[in-house]
Amino acid sequence: MRFRIMLAERQLELGHLELACGTWGQVLDEHTGLHSMAVDTFFANIRTRRRS
């Protein structure tokens, strides 16, 4: 799971928002009810980058 989170973060850093969301969707599909700081941080990064 951590690998997929890191992959999605990297995809986001490279400007691949749709790909990052797809990767993140896989994480959420596999781990329903997941709550962690990594999840919160990832979504905060998406919101920040969308505003840019």
Protein backbone atom coordinates (compact mmCIF):
# COMPACT_ATOMS: atom_id res chain seq x y z
CA MET A 1 0.00 0.00 0.00
CA ARG A 2 2.76 2.46 0.88
CA PHE A 3 4.37 1.88 -2.52
CA ARG A 4 1.14 2.82 -4.32
CA ILE A 5 0.79 5.95 -2.19
CA MET A 6 4.36 6.96 -3.02
CA LEU A 7 3.74 6.20 -6.70
CA ALA A 8 0.64 8.39 -6.74
CA GLU A 9 2.53 11.20 -5.00
CA ARG A 10 5.31 11.00 -7.58
CA GLN A 11 2.84 10.99 -10.45
CA LEU A 12 1.26 14.09 -8.95
CA GLU A 13 4.66 15.79 -8.59
CA LEU A 14 5.31 15.14 -12.27
CA GLY A 15 2.00 16.79 -13.19
CA HIS A 16 0.07 13.61 -14.02
CA LEU A 17 -3.06 14.38 -12.01
CA GLU A 18 -5.35 11.87 -13.74
CA LEU A 19 -2.80 9.07 -13.47
CA ALA A 20 -2.20 9.89 -9.80
CA CYS A 21 -5.92 9.81 -9.12
CA GLY A 22 -6.19 6.44 -10.86
CA THR A 23 -3.36 5.02 -8.78
CA TRP A 24 -4.88 6.45 -5.64
CA GLY A 25 -8.23 4.93 -6.60
CA GLN A 26 -6.55 1.52 -6.59
CA VAL A 27 -5.35 2.13 -3.03
CA LEU A 28 -8.82 3.10 -1.90
CA ASP A 29 -10.43 0.15 -3.66
CA GLU A 30 -8.08 -2.28 -1.94
CA HIS A 31 -8.30 -0.70 1.50
CA THR A 32 -11.75 0.62 2.18
CA GLY A 33 -12.11 2.58 5.38
CA LEU A 34 -8.44 3.55 5.33
CA HIS A 35 -7.48 6.57 7.39
CA SER A 36 -3.91 7.69 7.79
CA MET A 37 -1.70 10.75 7.68
CA ALA A 38 -0.43 9.64 4.24
CA VAL A 39 -4.00 9.70 2.92
CA ASP A 40 -4.67 13.16 4.37
CA THR A 41 -1.37 14.51 3.02
CA PHE A 42 -1.97 13.13 -0.46
CA PHE A 43 -5.41 14.71 -0.74
CA ALA A 44 -4.10 18.02 0.60
CA ASN A 45 -1.41 17.94 -2.10
CA ILE A 46 -4.00 17.32 -4.80
CA ARG A 47 -6.12 20.24 -3.60
CA THR A 48 -3.10 22.55 -3.49
CA ARG A 49 -1.90 21.57 -6.98
CA ARG A 50 -5.36 21.95 -8.49
CA ARG A 51 -5.45 25.57 -7.28
CA SER A 52 -2.13 26.35 -8.97
